[in-house]
Amino acid sequence: MKKRLTIAISGKPGAGKTTYAKHLANTFKLRYVSNGELFRRIAEERNIDLIELHKVAELDDSIDLEVDRRAAEEAKRGGVVIEGHLAAWVLKDLADLKILLTAPLSVRADRIAKREQKSLEDALREVKAREESNRMRALKYYNIDIEDLSGIDLIINTSILDIEGINKILEVFVTEYLKINPEKT
């Protein structure tokens, strides 16, 4: 039985993972899975804020491992876009395409401040805390260096073009991949 396309999209908070993952899922008729949304649901279930759950996760690997276990199950099924901070690294052997989205810290903090209706200072502080927590946990639990981009298929700075421009680049990339891998459609 053939496995349909699996795309893993990674990036730091505010880089555009959700925006572009949803677009690709919709454009190519794939399911959409958000590791970040699952992480947020766990925070809600525990009645703590996101930063507090990051602190808990630094001591309790079961949170990250559960999120990633579920993501791996989805990747094995195929026909999915999975977005998460470490998705491209954790799913490296399961994802057909691994995409990393980047943007300068100031741009990402501004996006988060607007999206979550908070001050730029609060967003910047939270982004820095989340990034450091994510980096530490990637090394501690998976021995993943998120600065090692050797397994990434495409890296895009999302601050250079508008959303439509980035969407076009992603669509061309996936379309061209499917042309040479038609069994993934």
C-alpha atoms as a PDB file:
ATOM      1  CA  MET A   1       0.000   0.000   0.000  1.00  0.00           C
ATOM      2  CA  LYS A   2       1.426   3.370  -0.979  1.00  0.00           C
ATOM      3  CA  LYS A   3       1.782   6.159   1.567  1.00  0.00           C
ATOM      4  CA  ARG A   4       0.654   9.600   0.493  1.00  0.00           C
ATOM      5  CA  LEU A   5       2.844  12.646   0.943  1.00  0.00           C
ATOM      6  CA  THR A   6       3.994  13.622   4.431  1.00  0.00           C
ATOM      7  CA  ILE A   7       5.384  17.124   4.964  1.00  0.00           C
ATOM      8  CA  ALA A   8       7.050  18.284   8.187  1.00  0.00           C
ATOM      9  CA  ILE A   9       7.257  22.036   8.736  1.00  0.00           C
ATOM     10  CA  SER A  10       9.448  23.449  11.478  1.00  0.00           C
ATOM     11  CA  GLY A  11      10.471  26.868  12.673  1.00  0.00           C
ATOM     12  CA  LYS A  12      10.761  28.992  15.758  1.00  0.00           C
ATOM     13  CA  PRO A  13       7.682  30.650  17.280  1.00  0.00           C
ATOM     14  CA  GLY A  14       6.206  33.257  14.928  1.00  0.00           C
ATOM     15  CA  ALA A  15       8.007  32.040  11.795  1.00  0.00           C
ATOM     16  CA  GLY A  16       4.715  31.127  10.096  1.00  0.00           C
ATOM     17  CA  LYS A  17       4.477  27.365  10.642  1.00  0.00           C
ATOM     18  CA  THR A  18       0.718  27.327  11.153  1.00  0.00           C
ATOM     19  CA  THR A  19      -0.089  29.752   8.328  1.00  0.00           C
ATOM     20  CA  TYR A  20       1.915  27.884   5.713  1.00  0.00           C
ATOM     21  CA  ALA A  21       1.206  24.360   6.960  1.00  0.00           C
ATOM     22  CA  LYS A  22      -2.541  25.001   6.759  1.00  0.00           C
ATOM     23  CA  HIS A  23      -2.150  26.440   3.273  1.00  0.00           C
ATOM     24  CA  LEU A  24      -0.214  23.410   2.033  1.00  0.00           C
ATOM     25  CA  ALA A  25      -2.682  21.015   3.650  1.00  0.00           C
ATOM     26  CA  ASN A  26      -5.584  22.778   1.970  1.00  0.00           C
ATOM     27  CA  THR A  27      -3.879  23.166  -1.423  1.00  0.00           C
ATOM     28  CA  PHE A  28      -2.746  19.546  -1.665  1.00  0.00           C
ATOM     29  CA  LYS A  29      -5.772  17.993   0.121  1.00  0.00           C
ATOM     30  CA  LEU A  30      -3.711  16.757   3.061  1.00  0.00           C
ATOM     31  CA  ARG A  31      -4.610  16.521   6.730  1.00  0.00           C
ATOM     32  CA  TYR A  32      -3.168  19.173   9.059  1.00  0.00           C
ATOM     33  CA  VAL A  33      -1.588  18.345  12.434  1.00  0.00           C
ATOM     34  CA  SER A  34      -0.133  20.952  14.800  1.00  0.00           C
ATOM     35  CA  ASN A  35       2.301  19.802  17.478  1.00  0.00           C
ATOM     36  CA  GLY A  36       2.098  23.272  19.021  1.00  0.00           C
ATOM     37  CA  GLU A  37      -1.680  23.021  19.311  1.00  0.00           C
ATOM     38  CA  LEU A  38      -1.360  19.688  21.052  1.00  0.00           C
ATOM     39  CA  PHE A  39       1.206  21.207  23.425  1.00  0.00           C
ATOM     40  CA  ARG A  40      -1.197  24.104  24.127  1.00  0.00           C
ATOM     41  CA  ARG A  41      -4.035  21.657  24.822  1.00  0.00           C
ATOM     42  CA  ILE A  42      -1.878  19.910  27.399  1.00  0.00           C
ATOM     43  CA  ALA A  43      -1.251  23.299  29.067  1.00  0.00           C
ATOM     44  CA  GLU A  44      -5.008  23.953  29.146  1.00  0.00           C
ATOM     45  CA  GLU A  45      -5.714  20.475  30.527  1.00  0.00           C
ATOM     46  CA  ARG A  46      -3.221  21.140  33.318  1.00  0.00           C
ATOM     47  CA  ASN A  47      -4.586  24.652  33.834  1.00  0.00           C
ATOM     48  CA  ILE A  48      -1.181  26.305  33.392  1.00  0.00           C
ATOM     49  CA  ASP A  49       0.115  28.813  30.867  1.00  0.00           C
ATOM     50  CA  LEU A  50       2.320  27.923  27.931  1.00  0.00           C
ATOM     51  CA  ILE A  51       5.561  29.175  29.490  1.00  0.00           C
ATOM     52  CA  GLU A  52       4.885  27.178  32.652  1.00  0.00           C
ATOM     53  CA  LEU A  53       4.304  24.007  30.625  1.00  0.00           C
ATOM     54  CA  HIS A  54       7.629  24.616  28.852  1.00  0.00           C
ATOM     55  CA  LYS A  55       9.287  24.716  32.296  1.00  0.00           C
ATOM     56  CA  VAL A  56       7.517  21.494  33.314  1.00  0.00           C
ATOM     57  CA  ALA A  57       8.531  19.863  30.026  1.00  0.00           C
ATOM     58  CA  GLU A  58      12.175  20.708  30.746  1.00  0.00           C
ATOM     59  CA  LEU A  59      11.963  18.280  33.690  1.00  0.00           C
ATOM     60  CA  ASP A  60       9.350  15.838  32.384  1.00  0.00           C
ATOM     61  CA  ASP A  61      10.113  14.334  28.982  1.00  0.00           C
ATOM     62  CA  SER A  62       6.733  12.591  28.791  1.00  0.00           C
ATOM     63  CA  ILE A  63       5.085  15.753  27.462  1.00  0.00           C
ATOM     64  CA  ASP A  64       7.342  16.095  24.417  1.00  0.00           C
ATOM     65  CA  LEU A  65       7.487  12.363  23.859  1.00  0.00           C
ATOM     66  CA  GLU A  66       3.686  12.132  23.791  1.00  0.00           C
ATOM     67  CA  VAL A  67       3.374  14.994  21.320  1.00  0.00           C
ATOM     68  CA  ASP A  68       6.023  13.453  19.083  1.00  0.00           C
ATOM     69  CA  ARG A  69       4.571   9.939  19.365  1.00  0.00           C
ATOM     70  CA  ARG A  70       1.250  11.223  18.072  1.00  0.00           C
ATOM     71  CA  ALA A  71       2.977  13.159  15.285  1.00  0.00           C
ATOM     72  CA  ALA A  72       4.879  10.029  14.229  1.00  0.00           C
ATOM     73  CA  GLU A  73       1.616   8.060  14.076  1.00  0.00           C
ATOM     74  CA  GLU A  74       0.130  10.716  11.805  1.00  0.00           C
ATOM     75  CA  ALA A  75       3.263  10.762   9.626  1.00  0.00           C
ATOM     76  CA  LYS A  76       3.130   6.978   9.208  1.00  0.00           C
ATOM     77  CA  ARG A  77      -0.439   7.272   7.926  1.00  0.00           C
ATOM     78  CA  GLY A  78       0.681   9.810   5.307  1.00  0.00           C
ATOM     79  CA  GLY A  79      -1.396  12.392   3.523  1.00  0.00           C
ATOM     80  CA  VAL A  80      -0.514  15.003   6.136  1.00  0.00           C
ATOM     81  CA  VAL A  81       1.278  18.252   6.898  1.00  0.00           C
ATOM     82  CA  ILE A  82       2.682  18.226  10.422  1.00  0.00           C
ATOM     83  CA  GLU A  83       3.968  21.444  11.861  1.00  0.00           C
ATOM     84  CA  GLY A  84       5.996  21.792  15.002  1.00  0.00           C
ATOM     85  CA  HIS A  85       9.188  23.302  16.307  1.00  0.00           C
ATOM     86  CA  LEU A  86      11.089  20.002  15.941  1.00  0.00           C
ATOM     87  CA  ALA A  87       8.881  18.214  13.411  1.00  0.00           C
ATOM     88  CA  ALA A  88      11.470  18.248  10.608  1.00  0.00           C
ATOM     89  CA  TRP A  89      14.089  16.671  12.867  1.00  0.00           C
ATOM     90  CA  VAL A  90      11.891  14.268  14.845  1.00  0.00           C
ATOM     91  CA  LEU A  91      10.082  13.039  11.712  1.00  0.00           C
ATOM     92  CA  LYS A  92      13.191  12.999   9.508  1.00  0.00           C
ATOM     93  CA  ASP A  93      12.748   9.339   8.574  1.00  0.00           C
ATOM     94  CA  LEU A  94       8.956   9.575   8.157  1.00  0.00           C
ATOM     95  CA  ALA A  95       8.469  12.863   6.307  1.00  0.00           C
ATOM     96  CA  ASP A  96       8.980  13.073   2.556  1.00  0.00           C
ATOM     97  CA  LEU A  97       9.672  16.808   2.706  1.00  0.00           C
ATOM     98  CA  LYS A  98      11.206  18.718   5.604  1.00  0.00           C
ATOM     99  CA  ILE A  99      10.732  22.489   5.486  1.00  0.00           C
ATOM    100  CA  LEU A 100      12.204  25.055   7.876  1.00  0.00           C
ATOM    101  CA  LEU A 101      10.689  28.536   8.123  1.00  0.00           C
ATOM    102  CA  THR A 102      12.752  31.366   9.561  1.00  0.00           C
ATOM    103  CA  ALA A 103      12.352  35.068  10.296  1.00  0.00           C
ATOM    104  CA  PRO A 104      14.245  37.564  12.460  1.00  0.00           C
ATOM    105  CA  LEU A 105      13.361  37.568  16.164  1.00  0.00           C
ATOM    106  CA  SER A 106      11.889  41.089  15.983  1.00  0.00           C
ATOM    107  CA  VAL A 107       9.539  40.071  13.153  1.00  0.00           C
ATOM    108  CA  ARG A 108       8.440  36.894  14.924  1.00  0.00           C
ATOM    109  CA  ALA A 109       7.813  38.702  18.220  1.00  0.00           C
ATOM    110  CA  ASP A 110       5.771  41.364  16.412  1.00  0.00           C
ATOM    111  CA  ARG A 111       3.646  38.680  14.714  1.00  0.00           C
ATOM    112  CA  ILE A 112       2.994  36.946  18.027  1.00  0.00           C
ATOM    113  CA  ALA A 113       2.174  40.220  19.793  1.00  0.00           C
ATOM    114  CA  LYS A 114      -0.445  41.011  17.141  1.00  0.00           C
ATOM    115  CA  ARG A 115      -1.826  37.472  16.980  1.00  0.00           C
ATOM    116  CA  GLU A 116      -2.133  37.084  20.739  1.00  0.00           C
ATOM    117  CA  GLN A 117      -2.988  40.734  21.438  1.00  0.00           C
ATOM    118  CA  LYS A 118      -0.170  41.351  23.861  1.00  0.00           C
ATOM    119  CA  SER A 119       2.588  43.910  24.144  1.00  0.00           C
ATOM    120  CA  LEU A 120       5.665  43.547  21.992  1.00  0.00           C
ATOM    121  CA  GLU A 121       7.778  43.359  25.163  1.00  0.00           C
ATOM    122  CA  ASP A 122       5.702  40.465  26.550  1.00  0.00           C
ATOM    123  CA  ALA A 123       5.778  38.657  23.208  1.00  0.00           C
ATOM    124  CA  LEU A 124       9.543  39.106  22.918  1.00  0.00           C
ATOM    125  CA  ARG A 125      10.107  37.792  26.448  1.00  0.00           C
ATOM    126  CA  GLU A 126       7.847  34.775  25.824  1.00  0.00           C
ATOM    127  CA  VAL A 127       9.411  33.981  22.440  1.00  0.00           C
ATOM    128  CA  LYS A 128      12.907  34.014  23.925  1.00  0.00           C
ATOM    129  CA  ALA A 129      11.813  31.784  26.813  1.00  0.00           C
ATOM    130  CA  ARG A 130      10.046  29.319  24.497  1.00  0.00           C
ATOM    131  CA  GLU A 131      12.990  29.180  22.098  1.00  0.00           C
ATOM    132  CA  GLU A 132      15.497  28.488  24.853  1.00  0.00           C
ATOM    133  CA  SER A 133      13.235  25.825  26.366  1.00  0.00           C
ATOM    134  CA  ASN A 134      12.703  24.177  22.970  1.00  0.00           C
ATOM    135  CA  ARG A 135      16.450  24.243  22.233  1.00  0.00           C
ATOM    136  CA  MET A 136      17.344  22.731  25.601  1.00  0.00           C
ATOM    137  CA  ARG A 137      14.724  19.986  25.347  1.00  0.00           C
ATOM    138  CA  ALA A 138      15.752  19.110  21.773  1.00  0.00           C
ATOM    139  CA  LEU A 139      19.298  18.479  22.981  1.00  0.00           C
ATOM    140  CA  LYS A 140      18.315  16.785  26.237  1.00  0.00           C
ATOM    141  CA  TYR A 141      15.597  14.423  25.000  1.00  0.00           C
ATOM    142  CA  TYR A 142      16.604  13.775  21.400  1.00  0.00           C
ATOM    143  CA  ASN A 143      20.238  14.879  21.094  1.00  0.00           C
ATOM    144  CA  ILE A 144      19.036  17.147  18.277  1.00  0.00           C
ATOM    145  CA  ASP A 145      20.997  20.273  17.463  1.00  0.00           C
ATOM    146  CA  ILE A 146      18.453  22.562  15.807  1.00  0.00           C
ATOM    147  CA  GLU A 147      21.331  24.488  14.264  1.00  0.00           C
ATOM    148  CA  ASP A 148      22.172  21.381  12.179  1.00  0.00           C
ATOM    149  CA  LEU A 149      20.180  21.957   8.998  1.00  0.00           C
ATOM    150  CA  SER A 150      21.673  19.079   7.004  1.00  0.00           C
ATOM    151  CA  GLY A 151      18.393  17.112   6.945  1.00  0.00           C
ATOM    152  CA  ILE A 152      16.232  20.059   5.888  1.00  0.00           C
ATOM    153  CA  ASP A 153      15.013  20.088   2.276  1.00  0.00           C
ATOM    154  CA  LEU A 154      13.925  23.733   2.025  1.00  0.00           C
ATOM    155  CA  ILE A 155      14.617  26.799   4.191  1.00  0.00           C
ATOM    156  CA  ILE A 156      12.592  29.980   3.695  1.00  0.00           C
ATOM    157  CA  ASN A 157      12.890  33.339   5.440  1.00  0.00           C
ATOM    158  CA  THR A 158       9.219  34.305   5.733  1.00  0.00           C
ATOM    159  CA  SER A 159       9.972  37.968   6.423  1.00  0.00           C
ATOM    160  CA  ILE A 160      11.233  38.673   2.901  1.00  0.00           C
ATOM    161  CA  LEU A 161       7.994  38.114   0.947  1.00  0.00           C
ATOM    162  CA  ASP A 162       4.318  38.468   1.783  1.00  0.00           C
ATOM    163  CA  ILE A 163       2.156  35.441   2.584  1.00  0.00           C
ATOM    164  CA  GLU A 164       1.101  35.006  -1.044  1.00  0.00           C
ATOM    165  CA  GLY A 165       4.727  34.978  -2.215  1.00  0.00           C
ATOM    166  CA  ILE A 166       5.771  32.373   0.347  1.00  0.00           C
ATOM    167  CA  ASN A 167       2.711  30.276  -0.525  1.00  0.00           C
ATOM    168  CA  LYS A 168       3.740  30.306  -4.203  1.00  0.00           C
ATOM    169  CA  ILE A 169       7.262  29.123  -3.370  1.00  0.00           C
ATOM    170  CA  LEU A 170       5.923  26.301  -1.218  1.00  0.00           C
ATOM    171  CA  GLU A 171       3.360  25.263  -3.838  1.00  0.00           C
ATOM    172  CA  VAL A 172       6.007  25.094  -6.578  1.00  0.00           C
ATOM    173  CA  PHE A 173       8.340  23.092  -4.324  1.00  0.00           C
ATOM    174  CA  VAL A 174       5.676  20.510  -3.433  1.00  0.00           C
ATOM    175  CA  THR A 175       4.305  20.355  -7.000  1.00  0.00           C
ATOM    176  CA  GLU A 176       7.765  19.712  -8.426  1.00  0.00           C
ATOM    177  CA  TYR A 177       8.394  17.019  -5.805  1.00  0.00           C
ATOM    178  CA  LEU A 178       5.113  15.314  -6.710  1.00  0.00           C
ATOM    179  CA  LYS A 179       6.011  15.394 -10.416  1.00  0.00           C
ATOM    180  CA  ILE A 180       8.997  13.148  -9.759  1.00  0.00           C
ATOM    181  CA  ASN A 181       7.216  11.168  -7.020  1.00  0.00           C
ATOM    182  CA  PRO A 182       3.685  10.679  -8.435  1.00  0.00           C
ATOM    183  CA  GLU A 183       3.081   7.718  -6.141  1.00  0.00           C
ATOM    184  CA  LYS A 184       2.807  10.239  -3.269  1.00  0.00           C
ATOM    185  CA  THR A 185      -0.301  11.927  -4.703  1.00  0.00           C
END
